[in-house]
Amino acid sequence: MKKSFFDKIVDHEVRKRARNKALSDHKEEICLQQVEHYNNTTKITAGVVFKGHGCILDQDVTKRVQEVHKMRQEKEEARAAKRIRLEDDMKKKVEKTRSKAEEKWSTEDYKVMVSWYKRPGDSKMPTTKAKLKARYELTSTRREDERNRLKPGEQPAIDDDFAADDESVAAAAAAATAV
């Protein structure tokens, strides 16, 4: 049985009214389900908004996203402030050490200077004054800007003692596996 155009319009309006009535009857239930779902959600990312059937949780979500964003910003600002503070403290220590004559430097002074010139790839910091002095003499020609990476032409400072230890460990491991 074919329906006329008028019958199709009437059927569409009847379905639309039934859908709207069902939604209005269950509006509170739907809102409670959405709030429960929101409360069960543990991860919320920026820009996420839960919407559904006329019940919008924008305010709660927006407030939570803003809190998380603010906490992240504060944490990043604290990290940056700490890096700057540590860098300033290190600069003060270096200036204090440089103000002394090198012959009067203590082990602590050499540690400050060696850590000032330390770059990624360098071996562990020596512990004795003689080794610290040797490391300082090896690395003191490095540039002081951008201390967090090696510049073109700079080589990492690797102590022979640590390299020898690494080779002896590797040799012992090879001998153990050969047996």
Protein backbone atom coordinates (compact mmCIF):
# COMPACT_ATOMS: atom_id res chain seq x y z
CA MET A 1 0.00 0.00 0.00
CA LYS A 2 1.50 3.23 -1.15
CA LYS A 3 1.28 6.23 1.09
CA SER A 4 0.57 9.64 -0.22
CA PHE A 5 2.81 12.58 0.39
CA PHE A 6 0.34 13.90 2.97
CA ASP A 7 0.38 10.55 4.84
CA LYS A 8 4.18 10.61 4.97
CA ILE A 9 4.13 14.12 6.48
CA VAL A 10 1.57 13.06 9.09
CA ASP A 11 3.62 9.93 10.00
CA HIS A 12 6.74 12.05 10.33
CA GLU A 13 4.97 14.52 12.66
CA VAL A 14 3.53 11.66 14.75
CA ARG A 15 7.02 10.11 15.17
CA LYS A 16 8.49 13.53 16.00
CA ARG A 17 5.86 14.16 18.70
CA ALA A 18 6.34 10.67 20.18
CA ARG A 19 10.12 11.16 20.26
CA ASN A 20 9.78 14.60 21.94
CA LYS A 21 7.28 13.19 24.49
CA ALA A 22 9.61 10.28 25.33
CA LEU A 23 12.53 12.66 25.73
CA SER A 24 10.59 15.04 27.96
CA ASP A 25 9.28 12.12 30.07
CA HIS A 26 12.78 10.72 30.57
CA LYS A 27 14.65 14.02 30.70
CA GLU A 28 15.57 13.71 34.38
CA GLU A 29 16.66 10.09 33.98
CA ILE A 30 18.83 11.02 31.00
CA CYS A 31 20.39 13.90 32.92
CA LEU A 32 21.12 11.65 35.92
CA GLN A 33 22.69 9.04 33.64
CA GLN A 34 24.87 11.70 32.04
CA VAL A 35 25.95 13.07 35.43
CA GLU A 36 26.73 9.52 36.61
CA HIS A 37 28.71 8.88 33.45
CA TYR A 38 30.57 12.15 33.96
CA ASN A 39 31.39 11.26 37.57
CA ASN A 40 32.69 7.86 36.46
CA THR A 41 34.91 9.43 33.85
CA THR A 42 38.46 9.82 35.15
CA LYS A 43 40.17 11.46 32.21
CA ILE A 44 38.96 14.73 30.81
CA THR A 45 40.83 16.49 28.08
CA ALA A 46 40.60 20.10 27.02
CA GLY A 47 37.68 20.83 24.78
CA VAL A 48 35.60 17.80 25.79
CA VAL A 49 31.95 18.65 26.30
CA PHE A 50 29.26 16.13 27.12
CA LYS A 51 25.94 16.93 25.49
CA GLY A 52 22.80 14.96 25.17
CA HIS A 53 19.09 15.41 24.66
CA GLY A 54 18.87 18.94 25.99
CA CYS A 55 20.91 18.25 29.13
CA ILE A 56 24.30 19.93 28.81
CA LEU A 57 27.12 19.51 31.34
CA ASP A 58 29.22 22.34 29.90
CA GLN A 59 29.70 24.21 33.17
CA ASP A 60 31.05 21.24 35.14
CA VAL A 61 33.28 20.07 32.32
CA THR A 62 34.54 23.56 31.52
CA LYS A 63 35.32 24.22 35.17
CA ARG A 64 37.23 20.92 35.49
CA VAL A 65 39.14 21.49 32.25
CA GLN A 66 40.08 24.99 33.41
CA GLU A 67 41.30 23.63 36.78
CA VAL A 68 43.42 20.97 35.10
CA HIS A 69 44.82 23.49 32.62
CA LYS A 70 45.64 25.93 35.42
CA MET A 71 47.36 23.20 37.46
CA ARG A 72 49.46 22.20 34.44
CA GLN A 73 50.46 25.81 33.80
CA GLU A 74 51.38 26.35 37.46
CA LYS A 75 53.44 23.16 37.47
CA GLU A 76 55.29 24.17 34.29
CA GLU A 77 55.91 27.67 35.66
CA ALA A 78 57.26 26.16 38.88
CA ARG A 79 59.61 23.90 36.89
CA ALA A 80 60.84 26.84 34.82
CA ALA A 81 61.35 28.98 37.93
CA LYS A 82 63.26 26.14 39.59
CA ARG A 83 65.51 25.72 36.53
CA ILE A 84 66.22 29.44 36.49
CA ARG A 85 66.88 29.50 40.24
CA LEU A 86 69.24 26.51 40.03
CA GLU A 87 71.06 28.08 37.07
CA ASP A 88 71.44 31.36 38.97
CA ASP A 89 72.72 29.53 42.05
CA MET A 90 75.22 27.66 39.90
CA LYS A 91 76.39 30.91 38.25
CA LYS A 92 76.94 32.44 41.70
CA LYS A 93 78.99 29.42 42.79
CA VAL A 94 81.05 29.60 39.60
CA GLU A 95 81.70 33.33 40.04
CA LYS A 96 82.69 32.77 43.67
CA THR A 97 85.08 29.99 42.63
CA ARG A 98 86.55 32.07 39.80
CA SER A 99 87.25 34.89 42.22
CA LYS A 100 89.73 32.61 44.04
CA ALA A 101 93.16 31.77 42.72
CA GLU A 102 93.09 28.36 41.01
CA GLU A 103 95.92 27.12 43.24
CA LYS A 104 93.67 27.63 46.29
CA TRP A 105 90.68 25.74 44.92
CA SER A 106 89.34 22.92 47.08
CA THR A 107 87.73 19.70 45.92
CA GLU A 108 84.33 21.39 46.19
CA ASP A 109 85.51 24.25 43.97
CA TYR A 110 86.67 21.78 41.32
CA LYS A 111 83.33 19.96 41.58
CA VAL A 112 81.50 23.22 40.92
CA MET A 113 83.65 24.02 37.90
CA VAL A 114 83.53 20.48 36.47
CA SER A 115 79.74 20.37 36.82
CA TRP A 116 79.59 23.84 35.15
CA TYR A 117 81.37 22.47 32.08
CA LYS A 118 79.69 19.03 32.16
CA ARG A 119 77.78 18.10 29.00
CA PRO A 120 75.63 15.13 27.98
CA GLY A 121 77.86 12.22 27.04
CA ASP A 122 80.55 12.99 29.62
CA SER A 123 81.44 10.17 31.97
CA LYS A 124 80.60 10.34 35.67
CA MET A 125 82.09 13.16 37.67
CA PRO A 126 85.40 12.18 39.28
CA THR A 127 85.66 12.14 43.07
CA THR A 128 89.30 12.85 43.80
CA LYS A 129 90.83 16.29 43.58
CA ALA A 130 93.50 15.21 41.07
CA LYS A 131 90.92 13.68 38.72
CA LEU A 132 88.62 16.67 39.13
CA LYS A 133 91.51 18.99 38.25
CA ALA A 134 92.33 16.88 35.16
CA ARG A 135 88.66 16.93 34.07
CA TYR A 136 88.49 20.69 34.60
CA GLU A 137 91.58 21.22 32.45
CA LEU A 138 90.07 18.98 29.77
CA THR A 139 86.69 20.71 29.68
CA SER A 140 87.45 24.31 30.67
CA THR A 141 87.80 25.40 27.03
CA ARG A 142 84.14 24.66 26.34
CA ARG A 143 81.79 27.51 25.60
CA GLU A 144 79.49 28.55 28.40
CA ASP A 145 76.34 29.41 26.47
CA GLU A 146 73.79 26.61 26.13
CA ARG A 147 75.38 24.28 28.61
CA ASN A 148 72.86 21.48 28.05
CA ARG A 149 74.41 20.11 24.85
CA LEU A 150 77.73 19.64 23.11
CA LYS A 151 78.64 22.21 20.47
CA PRO A 152 80.02 21.23 17.06
CA GLY A 153 83.62 20.20 17.52
CA GLU A 154 83.29 19.44 21.26
CA GLN A 155 83.93 15.87 22.37
CA PRO A 156 82.46 14.23 25.47
CA ALA A 157 84.91 13.87 28.36
CA ILE A 158 85.36 10.17 29.08
CA ASP A 159 87.76 9.11 31.81
CA ASP A 160 90.10 6.24 31.03
CA ASP A 161 89.38 4.68 34.43
CA PHE A 162 85.66 4.42 33.68
CA ALA A 163 86.32 3.22 30.13
CA ALA A 164 88.71 0.57 31.44
CA ASP A 165 86.09 -0.53 33.98
CA ASP A 166 83.50 -0.82 31.19
CA GLU A 167 85.92 -2.86 29.06
CA SER A 168 86.79 -5.19 31.96
CA VAL A 169 83.08 -5.71 32.71
CA ALA A 170 82.40 -6.45 29.03
CA ALA A 171 85.34 -8.87 28.91
CA ALA A 172 84.14 -10.64 32.07
CA ALA A 173 80.63 -10.93 30.64
CA ALA A 174 82.01 -12.36 27.38
CA ALA A 175 84.11 -14.86 29.32
CA ALA A 176 81.12 -15.91 31.41
CA THR A 177 78.97 -16.51 28.35
CA ALA A 178 81.76 -18.46 26.62
CA VAL A 179 81.96 -20.99 29.47
